[in-house]
Amino acid sequence: MLTNTKKIEKYAQQKLIAMLPEELQQDFQPILDDEYHTEEERAIVKQADPLCAYLKCLEELSAGNTEFNLAKMRLEKTLSERYSDKMQYFIEVFVPSQIQPIFR
């Protein structure tokens, strides 16, 4: 049985697919559908979401917005628990050096 959150995600996925031209819908459906992803791919996505939020916190804090301090601390804990070499690679390659976090 799907949770309410999963139902909302599924609905959003269907809406996104419906916005595409018909000839592309079948190609993009597997990208959004969890059942087509491996456990490793799901883990990477699970890491990406808080990492994105964390980088937003760093950006806001560097602009002087201290309201993001608590979120930053919570996300640091989450990211250190989910740390992987793939996450570190992403940070090193795609995150500007002046805001690169370190989780180890």
N, C-alpha and C. Protein backbone atom coordinates (compact mmCIF):
# COMPACT_ATOMS: atom_id res chain seq x y z
N MET A 1 0.83 -1.18 0.00
CA MET A 1 0.00 0.00 0.00
C MET A 1 0.88 1.26 0.00
N LEU A 2 0.52 2.24 -0.79
CA LEU A 2 1.30 3.47 -0.90
C LEU A 2 0.95 4.42 0.24
N THR A 3 1.99 5.07 0.77
CA THR A 3 1.77 6.12 1.77
C THR A 3 1.24 7.36 1.06
N ASN A 4 0.75 8.30 1.84
CA ASN A 4 0.26 9.55 1.24
C ASN A 4 1.35 10.25 0.46
N THR A 5 2.56 10.26 1.01
CA THR A 5 3.67 10.90 0.33
C THR A 5 3.95 10.22 -1.00
N LYS A 6 3.96 8.90 -1.00
CA LYS A 6 4.20 8.15 -2.25
C LYS A 6 3.08 8.40 -3.26
N LYS A 7 1.85 8.51 -2.78
CA LYS A 7 0.74 8.80 -3.68
C LYS A 7 0.92 10.17 -4.34
N ILE A 8 1.35 11.14 -3.55
CA ILE A 8 1.58 12.49 -4.08
C ILE A 8 2.72 12.46 -5.09
N GLU A 9 3.81 11.75 -4.75
CA GLU A 9 4.94 11.64 -5.68
C GLU A 9 4.50 10.98 -6.98
N LYS A 10 3.73 9.92 -6.88
CA LYS A 10 3.26 9.20 -8.07
C LYS A 10 2.39 10.12 -8.93
N TYR A 11 1.52 10.88 -8.29
CA TYR A 11 0.66 11.83 -9.01
C TYR A 11 1.52 12.88 -9.73
N ALA A 12 2.52 13.42 -9.03
CA ALA A 12 3.41 14.43 -9.62
C ALA A 12 4.18 13.84 -10.80
N GLN A 13 4.64 12.60 -10.66
CA GLN A 13 5.35 11.94 -11.75
C GLN A 13 4.45 11.82 -12.98
N GLN A 14 3.20 11.41 -12.76
CA GLN A 14 2.26 11.26 -13.87
C GLN A 14 1.99 12.61 -14.55
N LYS A 15 1.88 13.66 -13.74
CA LYS A 15 1.65 14.99 -14.31
C LYS A 15 2.86 15.44 -15.14
N LEU A 16 4.07 15.18 -14.64
CA LEU A 16 5.27 15.56 -15.39
C LEU A 16 5.36 14.81 -16.71
N ILE A 17 5.08 13.52 -16.67
CA ILE A 17 5.11 12.72 -17.90
C ILE A 17 4.06 13.22 -18.89
N ALA A 18 2.89 13.55 -18.40
CA ALA A 18 1.80 14.02 -19.27
C ALA A 18 2.13 15.34 -19.94
N MET A 19 3.04 16.11 -19.36
CA MET A 19 3.42 17.40 -19.95
C MET A 19 4.36 17.23 -21.15
N LEU A 20 4.97 16.07 -21.26
CA LEU A 20 5.88 15.81 -22.37
C LEU A 20 5.12 15.48 -23.65
N PRO A 21 5.74 15.72 -24.81
CA PRO A 21 5.13 15.25 -26.06
C PRO A 21 4.94 13.72 -25.98
N GLU A 22 3.86 13.23 -26.56
CA GLU A 22 3.53 11.81 -26.49
C GLU A 22 4.69 10.89 -26.88
N GLU A 23 5.43 11.28 -27.91
CA GLU A 23 6.50 10.43 -28.39
C GLU A 23 7.67 10.30 -27.39
N LEU A 24 7.73 11.17 -26.40
CA LEU A 24 8.80 11.10 -25.39
C LEU A 24 8.34 10.47 -24.08
N GLN A 25 7.06 10.35 -23.87
CA GLN A 25 6.54 9.89 -22.59
C GLN A 25 7.06 8.51 -22.19
N GLN A 26 7.08 7.56 -23.10
CA GLN A 26 7.55 6.21 -22.77
C GLN A 26 9.04 6.20 -22.46
N ASP A 27 9.80 7.08 -23.09
CA ASP A 27 11.24 7.14 -22.83
C ASP A 27 11.55 7.68 -21.45
N PHE A 28 10.75 8.64 -20.99
CA PHE A 28 11.03 9.28 -19.70
C PHE A 28 10.36 8.60 -18.51
N GLN A 29 9.35 7.80 -18.74
CA GLN A 29 8.63 7.13 -17.65
C GLN A 29 9.57 6.35 -16.72
N PRO A 30 10.48 5.54 -17.24
CA PRO A 30 11.36 4.78 -16.34
C PRO A 30 12.28 5.66 -15.48
N ILE A 31 12.60 6.83 -15.96
CA ILE A 31 13.48 7.72 -15.19
C ILE A 31 12.79 8.17 -13.90
N LEU A 32 11.50 8.40 -13.95
CA LEU A 32 10.76 8.88 -12.79
C LEU A 32 10.18 7.77 -11.93
N ASP A 33 10.11 6.58 -12.45
CA ASP A 33 9.45 5.49 -11.74
C ASP A 33 10.43 4.69 -10.89
N ASP A 34 10.20 4.67 -9.58
CA ASP A 34 11.09 3.98 -8.65
C ASP A 34 11.30 2.51 -8.96
N GLU A 35 10.29 1.85 -9.46
CA GLU A 35 10.40 0.41 -9.66
C GLU A 35 11.44 0.04 -10.72
N TYR A 36 11.86 1.00 -11.51
CA TYR A 36 12.86 0.74 -12.54
C TYR A 36 14.28 1.00 -12.06
N HIS A 37 14.42 1.51 -10.85
CA HIS A 37 15.74 1.86 -10.34
C HIS A 37 16.31 0.78 -9.45
N THR A 38 17.63 0.66 -9.50
CA THR A 38 18.31 -0.30 -8.63
C THR A 38 18.41 0.29 -7.23
N GLU A 39 18.75 -0.53 -6.29
CA GLU A 39 18.94 -0.09 -4.90
C GLU A 39 20.04 0.97 -4.84
N GLU A 40 21.11 0.77 -5.62
CA GLU A 40 22.22 1.73 -5.65
C GLU A 40 21.75 3.08 -6.17
N GLU A 41 20.94 3.07 -7.23
CA GLU A 41 20.43 4.32 -7.78
C GLU A 41 19.52 5.04 -6.77
N ARG A 42 18.69 4.27 -6.07
CA ARG A 42 17.83 4.87 -5.05
C ARG A 42 18.65 5.50 -3.94
N ALA A 43 19.75 4.85 -3.56
CA ALA A 43 20.62 5.39 -2.50
C ALA A 43 21.26 6.70 -2.95
N ILE A 44 21.66 6.77 -4.20
CA ILE A 44 22.27 8.00 -4.72
C ILE A 44 21.25 9.14 -4.71
N VAL A 45 20.02 8.86 -5.12
CA VAL A 45 18.98 9.88 -5.10
C VAL A 45 18.70 10.31 -3.66
N LYS A 46 18.70 9.35 -2.76
CA LYS A 46 18.46 9.66 -1.34
C LYS A 46 19.56 10.56 -0.78
N GLN A 47 20.77 10.44 -1.30
CA GLN A 47 21.87 11.31 -0.89
C GLN A 47 21.76 12.68 -1.56
N ALA A 48 21.31 12.71 -2.79
CA ALA A 48 21.29 13.95 -3.57
C ALA A 48 20.34 14.99 -3.00
N ASP A 49 19.20 14.57 -2.52
CA ASP A 49 18.20 15.50 -2.03
C ASP A 49 18.71 16.32 -0.84
N PRO A 50 19.20 15.69 0.23
CA PRO A 50 19.72 16.51 1.34
C PRO A 50 21.00 17.26 0.98
N LEU A 51 21.79 16.72 0.06
CA LEU A 51 23.00 17.42 -0.37
C LEU A 51 22.61 18.73 -1.07
N CYS A 52 21.62 18.68 -1.91
CA CYS A 52 21.13 19.88 -2.59
C CYS A 52 20.63 20.90 -1.56
N ALA A 53 19.86 20.43 -0.59
CA ALA A 53 19.35 21.33 0.46
C ALA A 53 20.50 21.91 1.28
N TYR A 54 21.51 21.10 1.54
CA TYR A 54 22.66 21.56 2.32
C TYR A 54 23.42 22.65 1.56
N LEU A 55 23.62 22.44 0.28
CA LEU A 55 24.32 23.45 -0.53
C LEU A 55 23.53 24.75 -0.57
N LYS A 56 22.21 24.67 -0.58
CA LYS A 56 21.37 25.86 -0.52
C LYS A 56 21.58 26.57 0.82
N CYS A 57 21.68 25.80 1.90
CA CYS A 57 21.95 26.40 3.22
C CYS A 57 23.28 27.14 3.21
N LEU A 58 24.31 26.52 2.65
CA LEU A 58 25.62 27.16 2.59
C LEU A 58 25.55 28.46 1.80
N GLU A 59 24.82 28.43 0.71
CA GLU A 59 24.66 29.63 -0.12
C GLU A 59 23.97 30.74 0.66
N GLU A 60 22.90 30.39 1.35
CA GLU A 60 22.15 31.38 2.14
C GLU A 60 23.00 31.93 3.29
N LEU A 61 23.74 31.05 3.96
CA LEU A 61 24.58 31.49 5.06
C LEU A 61 25.70 32.41 4.58
N SER A 62 26.25 32.11 3.40
CA SER A 62 27.31 32.97 2.87
C SER A 62 26.78 34.34 2.48
N ALA A 63 25.46 34.42 2.24
CA ALA A 63 24.82 35.69 1.93
C ALA A 63 24.37 36.41 3.21
N GLY A 64 24.67 35.80 4.37
CA GLY A 64 24.34 36.44 5.64
C GLY A 64 23.01 36.04 6.24
N ASN A 65 22.33 35.08 5.66
CA ASN A 65 21.03 34.65 6.16
C ASN A 65 21.22 33.55 7.21
N THR A 66 21.27 33.97 8.47
CA THR A 66 21.56 33.04 9.57
C THR A 66 20.38 32.13 9.92
N GLU A 67 19.22 32.34 9.31
CA GLU A 67 18.07 31.47 9.56
C GLU A 67 18.32 30.03 9.10
N PHE A 68 19.36 29.81 8.33
CA PHE A 68 19.65 28.49 7.79
C PHE A 68 20.63 27.69 8.67
N ASN A 69 21.06 28.25 9.79
CA ASN A 69 22.02 27.56 10.67
C ASN A 69 21.51 26.22 11.17
N LEU A 70 20.28 26.18 11.69
CA LEU A 70 19.72 24.95 12.24
C LEU A 70 19.58 23.89 11.14
N ALA A 71 19.06 24.29 10.00
CA ALA A 71 18.90 23.35 8.88
C ALA A 71 20.26 22.81 8.45
N LYS A 72 21.26 23.66 8.42
CA LYS A 72 22.61 23.24 8.05
C LYS A 72 23.12 22.16 9.00
N MET A 73 22.94 22.37 10.30
CA MET A 73 23.41 21.39 11.28
C MET A 73 22.68 20.05 11.13
N ARG A 74 21.38 20.11 10.92
CA ARG A 74 20.60 18.87 10.73
C ARG A 74 21.03 18.13 9.47
N LEU A 75 21.24 18.88 8.41
CA LEU A 75 21.64 18.27 7.14
C LEU A 75 23.05 17.70 7.21
N GLU A 76 23.93 18.33 7.97
CA GLU A 76 25.28 17.78 8.15
C GLU A 76 25.21 16.39 8.78
N LYS A 77 24.34 16.25 9.75
CA LYS A 77 24.17 14.94 10.41
C LYS A 77 23.65 13.91 9.41
N THR A 78 22.61 14.29 8.68
CA THR A 78 22.02 13.39 7.68
C THR A 78 23.06 12.98 6.64
N LEU A 79 23.80 13.95 6.14
CA LEU A 79 24.78 13.66 5.09
C LEU A 79 25.95 12.82 5.61
N SER A 80 26.36 13.05 6.83
CA SER A 80 27.45 12.23 7.35
C SER A 80 27.00 10.79 7.54
N GLU A 81 25.71 10.59 7.86
CA GLU A 81 25.17 9.22 7.98
C GLU A 81 25.06 8.54 6.62
N ARG A 82 24.82 9.31 5.59
CA ARG A 82 24.64 8.76 4.24
C ARG A 82 25.88 8.88 3.37
N TYR A 83 26.97 9.31 3.95
CA TYR A 83 28.20 9.55 3.19
C TYR A 83 28.59 8.34 2.35
N SER A 84 29.09 8.62 1.16
CA SER A 84 29.65 7.58 0.30
C SER A 84 30.73 8.20 -0.58
N ASP A 85 31.53 7.36 -1.17
CA ASP A 85 32.56 7.83 -2.09
C ASP A 85 31.93 8.55 -3.29
N LYS A 86 30.76 8.09 -3.72
CA LYS A 86 30.07 8.74 -4.85
C LYS A 86 29.66 10.16 -4.49
N MET A 87 29.20 10.35 -3.24
CA MET A 87 28.84 11.69 -2.80
C MET A 87 30.08 12.58 -2.78
N GLN A 88 31.18 12.06 -2.27
CA GLN A 88 32.41 12.84 -2.22
C GLN A 88 32.88 13.20 -3.62
N TYR A 89 32.77 12.26 -4.55
CA TYR A 89 33.14 12.53 -5.94
C TYR A 89 32.29 13.67 -6.51
N PHE A 90 30.98 13.60 -6.28
CA PHE A 90 30.09 14.65 -6.78
C PHE A 90 30.50 16.01 -6.21
N ILE A 91 30.77 16.05 -4.92
CA ILE A 91 31.17 17.30 -4.27
C ILE A 91 32.45 17.84 -4.88
N GLU A 92 33.44 16.98 -5.03
CA GLU A 92 34.73 17.41 -5.56
C GLU A 92 34.65 17.89 -7.00
N VAL A 93 33.79 17.27 -7.80
CA VAL A 93 33.73 17.58 -9.22
C VAL A 93 32.75 18.72 -9.53
N PHE A 94 31.61 18.75 -8.85
CA PHE A 94 30.55 19.67 -9.25
C PHE A 94 30.26 20.83 -8.29
N VAL A 95 30.75 20.76 -7.07
CA VAL A 95 30.47 21.82 -6.11
C VAL A 95 31.64 22.81 -6.12
N PRO A 96 31.33 24.10 -6.28
CA PRO A 96 32.43 25.08 -6.29
C PRO A 96 33.29 24.96 -5.03
N SER A 97 34.59 25.09 -5.20
CA SER A 97 35.53 24.83 -4.11
C SER A 97 35.29 25.70 -2.89
N GLN A 98 34.80 26.92 -3.07
CA GLN A 98 34.61 27.80 -1.92
C GLN A 98 33.48 27.35 -1.00
N ILE A 99 32.59 26.45 -1.46
CA ILE A 99 31.53 25.97 -0.59
C ILE A 99 31.54 24.45 -0.39
N GLN A 100 32.64 23.83 -0.74
CA GLN A 100 32.70 22.37 -0.61
C GLN A 100 32.67 21.94 0.86
N PRO A 101 31.65 21.16 1.21
CA PRO A 101 31.60 20.61 2.57
C PRO A 101 32.48 19.37 2.66
N ILE A 102 32.77 18.99 3.87
CA ILE A 102 33.54 17.75 4.08
C ILE A 102 32.76 16.89 5.06
N PHE A 103 32.42 15.69 4.65
CA PHE A 103 31.71 14.72 5.50
C PHE A 103 32.55 13.47 5.56
N ARG A 104 33.08 13.16 6.69
CA ARG A 104 33.82 11.91 6.86
C ARG A 104 33.83 11.51 8.29
